[in-house]
Amino acid sequence: GKLREVSPAADPAARTYAARVTVLD
């Protein structure tokens, strides 16, 4: 996988950052 993006702001309820990992091939 390859990290494509990480949200700059945390979710106000869960206090986690949404991120996307691209699946190669």
PDB file of all heavy atoms in Angstrom:
ATOM      1  N   GLY A   1       0.818  -1.201   0.000  1.00  0.00           N
ATOM      2  CA  GLY A   1       0.000   0.000   0.000  1.00  0.00           C
ATOM      3  C   GLY A   1       0.856   1.258   0.000  1.00  0.00           C
ATOM      4  O   GLY A   1       2.060   1.214   0.257  1.00  0.00           O
ATOM      5  N   LYS A   2       0.208   2.352  -0.307  1.00  0.00           N
ATOM      6  CA  LYS A   2       0.880   3.647  -0.318  1.00  0.00           C
ATOM      7  C   LYS A   2      -0.056   4.681   0.286  1.00  0.00           C
ATOM      8  O   LYS A   2      -1.206   4.816  -0.147  1.00  0.00           O
ATOM      9  CB  LYS A   2       1.256   4.056  -1.749  1.00  0.00           C
ATOM     10  CG  LYS A   2       1.956   5.406  -1.838  1.00  0.00           C
ATOM     11  CD  LYS A   2       2.278   5.752  -3.286  1.00  0.00           C
ATOM     12  CE  LYS A   2       2.951   7.113  -3.383  1.00  0.00           C
ATOM     13  NZ  LYS A   2       3.237   7.474  -4.805  1.00  0.00           N
ATOM     14  N   LEU A   3       0.420   5.400   1.289  1.00  0.00           N
ATOM     15  CA  LEU A   3      -0.394   6.422   1.927  1.00  0.00           C
ATOM     16  C   LEU A   3      -0.637   7.565   0.947  1.00  0.00           C
ATOM     17  O   LEU A   3       0.304   8.195   0.461  1.00  0.00           O
ATOM     18  CB  LEU A   3       0.309   6.949   3.183  1.00  0.00           C
ATOM     19  CG  LEU A   3      -0.469   7.994   3.993  1.00  0.00           C
ATOM     20  CD1 LEU A   3      -1.731   7.389   4.590  1.00  0.00           C
ATOM     21  CD2 LEU A   3       0.404   8.580   5.088  1.00  0.00           C
ATOM     22  N   ARG A   4      -1.923   7.845   0.646  1.00  0.00           N
ATOM     23  CA  ARG A   4      -2.258   8.908  -0.300  1.00  0.00           C
ATOM     24  C   ARG A   4      -2.614  10.199   0.408  1.00  0.00           C
ATOM     25  O   ARG A   4      -2.200  11.277  -0.016  1.00  0.00           O
ATOM     26  CB  ARG A   4      -3.413   8.479  -1.200  1.00  0.00           C
ATOM     27  CG  ARG A   4      -3.752   9.513  -2.288  1.00  0.00           C
ATOM     28  CD  ARG A   4      -4.869   9.053  -3.181  1.00  0.00           C
ATOM     29  NE  ARG A   4      -6.127   8.913  -2.495  1.00  0.00           N
ATOM     30  CZ  ARG A   4      -6.965   9.921  -2.248  1.00  0.00           C
ATOM     31  NH1 ARG A   4      -6.658  11.144  -2.613  1.00  0.00           N
ATOM     32  NH2 ARG A   4      -8.122   9.698  -1.631  1.00  0.00           N
ATOM     33  N   GLU A   5      -3.365  10.126   1.479  1.00  0.00           N
ATOM     34  CA  GLU A   5      -3.765  11.360   2.152  1.00  0.00           C
ATOM     35  C   GLU A   5      -4.093  11.092   3.610  1.00  0.00           C
ATOM     36  O   GLU A   5      -4.470   9.976   3.986  1.00  0.00           O
ATOM     37  CB  GLU A   5      -4.980  11.997   1.463  1.00  0.00           C
ATOM     38  CG  GLU A   5      -6.261  11.188   1.599  1.00  0.00           C
ATOM     39  CD  GLU A   5      -7.470  11.895   1.004  1.00  0.00           C
ATOM     40  OE1 GLU A   5      -7.265  12.830   0.223  1.00  0.00           O
ATOM     41  OE2 GLU A   5      -8.603  11.502   1.327  1.00  0.00           O
ATOM     42  N   VAL A   6      -3.910  12.130   4.414  1.00  0.00           N
ATOM     43  CA  VAL A   6      -4.316  12.128   5.823  1.00  0.00           C
ATOM     44  C   VAL A   6      -5.052  13.436   6.064  1.00  0.00           C
ATOM     45  O   VAL A   6      -4.557  14.510   5.706  1.00  0.00           O
ATOM     46  CB  VAL A   6      -3.112  12.009   6.778  1.00  0.00           C
ATOM     47  CG1 VAL A   6      -3.581  12.064   8.226  1.00  0.00           C
ATOM     48  CG2 VAL A   6      -2.345  10.725   6.524  1.00  0.00           C
ATOM     49  N   SER A   7      -6.233  13.350   6.652  1.00  0.00           N
ATOM     50  CA  SER A   7      -7.018  14.555   6.894  1.00  0.00           C
ATOM     51  C   SER A   7      -6.263  15.502   7.823  1.00  0.00           C
ATOM     52  O   SER A   7      -5.654  15.068   8.809  1.00  0.00           O
ATOM     53  CB  SER A   7      -8.366  14.191   7.523  1.00  0.00           C
ATOM     54  OG  SER A   7      -9.074  15.350   7.902  1.00  0.00           O
ATOM     55  N   PRO A   8      -6.284  16.805   7.535  1.00  0.00           N
ATOM     56  CA  PRO A   8      -5.595  17.751   8.412  1.00  0.00           C
ATOM     57  C   PRO A   8      -6.335  18.025   9.717  1.00  0.00           C
ATOM     58  O   PRO A   8      -5.767  18.611  10.638  1.00  0.00           O
ATOM     59  CB  PRO A   8      -5.518  19.024   7.555  1.00  0.00           C
ATOM     60  CG  PRO A   8      -6.699  18.927   6.645  1.00  0.00           C
ATOM     61  CD  PRO A   8      -6.874  17.465   6.352  1.00  0.00           C
ATOM     62  N   ALA A   9      -7.603  17.620   9.811  1.00  0.00           N
ATOM     63  CA  ALA A   9      -8.406  17.885  11.006  1.00  0.00           C
ATOM     64  C   ALA A   9      -8.956  16.571  11.549  1.00  0.00           C
ATOM     65  O   ALA A   9      -9.349  15.680  10.789  1.00  0.00           O
ATOM     66  CB  ALA A   9      -9.553  18.841  10.685  1.00  0.00           C
ATOM     67  N   ALA A  10      -8.977  16.456  12.870  1.00  0.00           N
ATOM     68  CA  ALA A  10      -9.477  15.242  13.510  1.00  0.00           C
ATOM     69  C   ALA A  10     -10.997  15.247  13.549  1.00  0.00           C
ATOM     70  O   ALA A  10     -11.636  16.301  13.578  1.00  0.00           O
ATOM     71  CB  ALA A  10      -8.919  15.129  14.925  1.00  0.00           C
ATOM     72  N   ASP A  11     -11.564  14.050  13.542  1.00  0.00           N
ATOM     73  CA  ASP A  11     -13.005  13.921  13.695  1.00  0.00           C
ATOM     74  C   ASP A  11     -13.392  14.426  15.090  1.00  0.00           C
ATOM     75  O   ASP A  11     -12.805  14.001  16.091  1.00  0.00           O
ATOM     76  CB  ASP A  11     -13.418  12.448  13.538  1.00  0.00           C
ATOM     77  CG  ASP A  11     -14.910  12.259  13.674  1.00  0.00           C
ATOM     78  OD1 ASP A  11     -15.619  12.375  12.663  1.00  0.00           O
ATOM     79  OD2 ASP A  11     -15.364  12.001  14.814  1.00  0.00           O
ATOM     80  N   PRO A  12     -14.367  15.344  15.195  1.00  0.00           N
ATOM     81  CA  PRO A  12     -14.668  15.934  16.505  1.00  0.00           C
ATOM     82  C   PRO A  12     -15.218  14.935  17.514  1.00  0.00           C
ATOM     83  O   PRO A  12     -15.109  15.168  18.720  1.00  0.00           O
ATOM     84  CB  PRO A  12     -15.712  17.018  16.171  1.00  0.00           C
ATOM     85  CG  PRO A  12     -16.294  16.611  14.852  1.00  0.00           C
ATOM     86  CD  PRO A  12     -15.194  15.909  14.114  1.00  0.00           C
ATOM     87  N   ALA A  13     -15.789  13.837  17.066  1.00  0.00           N
ATOM     88  CA  ALA A  13     -16.362  12.857  17.996  1.00  0.00           C
ATOM     89  C   ALA A  13     -15.349  11.774  18.358  1.00  0.00           C
ATOM     90  O   ALA A  13     -15.108  11.494  19.531  1.00  0.00           O
ATOM     91  CB  ALA A  13     -17.610  12.237  17.385  1.00  0.00           C
ATOM     92  N   ALA A  14     -14.721  11.169  17.338  1.00  0.00           N
ATOM     93  CA  ALA A  14     -13.809  10.059  17.587  1.00  0.00           C
ATOM     94  C   ALA A  14     -12.380  10.503  17.861  1.00  0.00           C
ATOM     95  O   ALA A  14     -11.573   9.710  18.359  1.00  0.00           O
ATOM     96  CB  ALA A  14     -13.817   9.101  16.390  1.00  0.00           C
ATOM     97  N   ARG A  15     -12.031  11.757  17.535  1.00  0.00           N
ATOM     98  CA  ARG A  15     -10.680  12.274  17.687  1.00  0.00           C
ATOM     99  C   ARG A  15      -9.668  11.428  16.923  1.00  0.00           C
ATOM    100  O   ARG A  15      -8.576  11.122  17.397  1.00  0.00           O
ATOM    101  CB  ARG A  15     -10.264  12.361  19.168  1.00  0.00           C
ATOM    102  CG  ARG A  15     -11.218  13.127  20.055  1.00  0.00           C
ATOM    103  CD  ARG A  15     -11.558  14.483  19.491  1.00  0.00           C
ATOM    104  NE  ARG A  15     -10.383  15.299  19.205  1.00  0.00           N
ATOM    105  CZ  ARG A  15     -10.408  16.437  18.527  1.00  0.00           C
ATOM    106  NH1 ARG A  15     -11.552  16.878  18.026  1.00  0.00           N
ATOM    107  NH2 ARG A  15      -9.305  17.121  18.331  1.00  0.00           N
ATOM    108  N   THR A  16     -10.039  11.016  15.727  1.00  0.00           N
ATOM    109  CA  THR A  16      -9.143  10.285  14.832  1.00  0.00           C
ATOM    110  C   THR A  16      -9.058  11.023  13.511  1.00  0.00           C
ATOM    111  O   THR A  16      -9.936  11.822  13.169  1.00  0.00           O
ATOM    112  CB  THR A  16      -9.640   8.857  14.592  1.00  0.00           C
ATOM    113  OG1 THR A  16     -10.976   8.902  14.056  1.00  0.00           O
ATOM    114  CG2 THR A  16      -9.633   8.040  15.878  1.00  0.00           C
ATOM    115  N   TYR A  17      -7.996  10.746  12.755  1.00  0.00           N
ATOM    116  CA  TYR A  17      -7.766  11.394  11.469  1.00  0.00           C
ATOM    117  C   TYR A  17      -8.089  10.407  10.343  1.00  0.00           C
ATOM    118  O   TYR A  17      -7.535   9.295  10.311  1.00  0.00           O
ATOM    119  CB  TYR A  17      -6.313  11.848  11.350  1.00  0.00           C
ATOM    120  CG  TYR A  17      -5.947  12.968  12.297  1.00  0.00           C
ATOM    121  CD1 TYR A  17      -5.572  12.701  13.606  1.00  0.00           C
ATOM    122  CD2 TYR A  17      -6.002  14.292  11.893  1.00  0.00           C
ATOM    123  CE1 TYR A  17      -5.243  13.726  14.486  1.00  0.00           C
ATOM    124  CE2 TYR A  17      -5.682  15.329  12.761  1.00  0.00           C
ATOM    125  CZ  TYR A  17      -5.298  15.036  14.051  1.00  0.00           C
ATOM    126  OH  TYR A  17      -4.981  16.053  14.913  1.00  0.00           O
ATOM    127  N   ALA A  18      -8.976  10.815   9.446  1.00  0.00           N
ATOM    128  CA  ALA A  18      -9.320   9.969   8.304  1.00  0.00           C
ATOM    129  C   ALA A  18      -8.137   9.929   7.333  1.00  0.00           C
ATOM    130  O   ALA A  18      -7.531  10.955   7.036  1.00  0.00           O
ATOM    131  CB  ALA A  18     -10.561  10.500   7.597  1.00  0.00           C
ATOM    132  N   ALA A  19      -7.803   8.726   6.872  1.00  0.00           N
ATOM    133  CA  ALA A  19      -6.679   8.558   5.951  1.00  0.00           C
ATOM    134  C   ALA A  19      -7.053   7.543   4.885  1.00  0.00           C
ATOM    135  O   ALA A  19      -7.950   6.717   5.071  1.00  0.00           O
ATOM    136  CB  ALA A  19      -5.419   8.114   6.700  1.00  0.00           C
ATOM    137  N   ARG A  20      -6.350   7.597   3.749  1.00  0.00           N
ATOM    138  CA  ARG A  20      -6.573   6.678   2.643  1.00  0.00           C
ATOM    139  C   ARG A  20      -5.230   6.055   2.243  1.00  0.00           C
ATOM    140  O   ARG A  20      -4.244   6.774   2.038  1.00  0.00           O
ATOM    141  CB  ARG A  20      -7.176   7.406   1.446  1.00  0.00           C
ATOM    142  CG  ARG A  20      -8.624   7.865   1.643  1.00  0.00           C
ATOM    143  CD  ARG A  20      -9.591   6.698   1.711  1.00  0.00           C
ATOM    144  NE  ARG A  20     -10.979   7.103   1.758  1.00  0.00           N
ATOM    145  CZ  ARG A  20     -11.830   6.980   0.738  1.00  0.00           C
ATOM    146  NH1 ARG A  20     -11.421   6.487  -0.415  1.00  0.00           N
ATOM    147  NH2 ARG A  20     -13.083   7.350   0.871  1.00  0.00           N
ATOM    148  N   VAL A  21      -5.216   4.730   2.123  1.00  0.00           N
ATOM    149  CA  VAL A  21      -4.034   3.981   1.679  1.00  0.00           C
ATOM    150  C   VAL A  21      -4.374   3.304   0.359  1.00  0.00           C
ATOM    151  O   VAL A  21      -5.294   2.475   0.298  1.00  0.00           O
ATOM    152  CB  VAL A  21      -3.605   2.932   2.728  1.00  0.00           C
ATOM    153  CG1 VAL A  21      -2.437   2.100   2.193  1.00  0.00           C
ATOM    154  CG2 VAL A  21      -3.221   3.616   4.031  1.00  0.00           C
ATOM    155  N   THR A  22      -3.674   3.664  -0.703  1.00  0.00           N
ATOM    156  CA  THR A  22      -3.916   3.078  -2.018  1.00  0.00           C
ATOM    157  C   THR A  22      -3.373   1.652  -2.062  1.00  0.00           C
ATOM    158  O   THR A  22      -2.238   1.392  -1.645  1.00  0.00           O
ATOM    159  CB  THR A  22      -3.243   3.919  -3.110  1.00  0.00           C
ATOM    160  OG1 THR A  22      -3.772   5.241  -3.068  1.00  0.00           O
ATOM    161  CG2 THR A  22      -3.480   3.320  -4.485  1.00  0.00           C
ATOM    162  N   VAL A  23      -4.175   0.724  -2.573  1.00  0.00           N
ATOM    163  CA  VAL A  23      -3.746  -0.673  -2.724  1.00  0.00           C
ATOM    164  C   VAL A  23      -3.064  -0.807  -4.078  1.00  0.00           C
ATOM    165  O   VAL A  23      -3.705  -0.633  -5.121  1.00  0.00           O
ATOM    166  CB  VAL A  23      -4.939  -1.637  -2.612  1.00  0.00           C
ATOM    167  CG1 VAL A  23      -4.453  -3.079  -2.702  1.00  0.00           C
ATOM    168  CG2 VAL A  23      -5.702  -1.401  -1.312  1.00  0.00           C
ATOM    169  N   LEU A  24      -1.781  -1.094  -4.065  1.00  0.00           N
ATOM    170  CA  LEU A  24      -1.032  -1.232  -5.304  1.00  0.00           C
ATOM    171  C   LEU A  24      -1.313  -2.593  -5.940  1.00  0.00           C
ATOM    172  O   LEU A  24      -1.347  -3.619  -5.250  1.00  0.00           O
ATOM    173  CB  LEU A  24       0.469  -1.068  -5.041  1.00  0.00           C
ATOM    174  CG  LEU A  24       0.877   0.252  -4.355  1.00  0.00           C
ATOM    175  CD1 LEU A  24       2.377   0.287  -4.123  1.00  0.00           C
ATOM    176  CD2 LEU A  24       0.433   1.451  -5.182  1.00  0.00           C
ATOM    177  N   ASP A  25      -1.504  -2.600  -7.256  1.00  0.00           N
ATOM    178  CA  ASP A  25      -1.751  -3.841  -8.010  1.00  0.00           C
ATOM    179  C   ASP A  25      -2.957  -4.593  -7.471  1.00  0.00           C
ATOM    180  O   ASP A  25      -2.943  -5.832  -7.343  1.00  0.00           O
ATOM    181  CB  ASP A  25      -0.512  -4.743  -7.992  1.00  0.00           C
ATOM    182  CG  ASP A  25       0.699  -4.058  -8.598  1.00  0.00           C
ATOM    183  OD1 ASP A  25       0.521  -3.287  -9.562  1.00  0.00           O
ATOM    184  OD2 ASP A  25       1.818  -4.285  -8.100  1.00  0.00           O
TER     185      ASP A  25
END
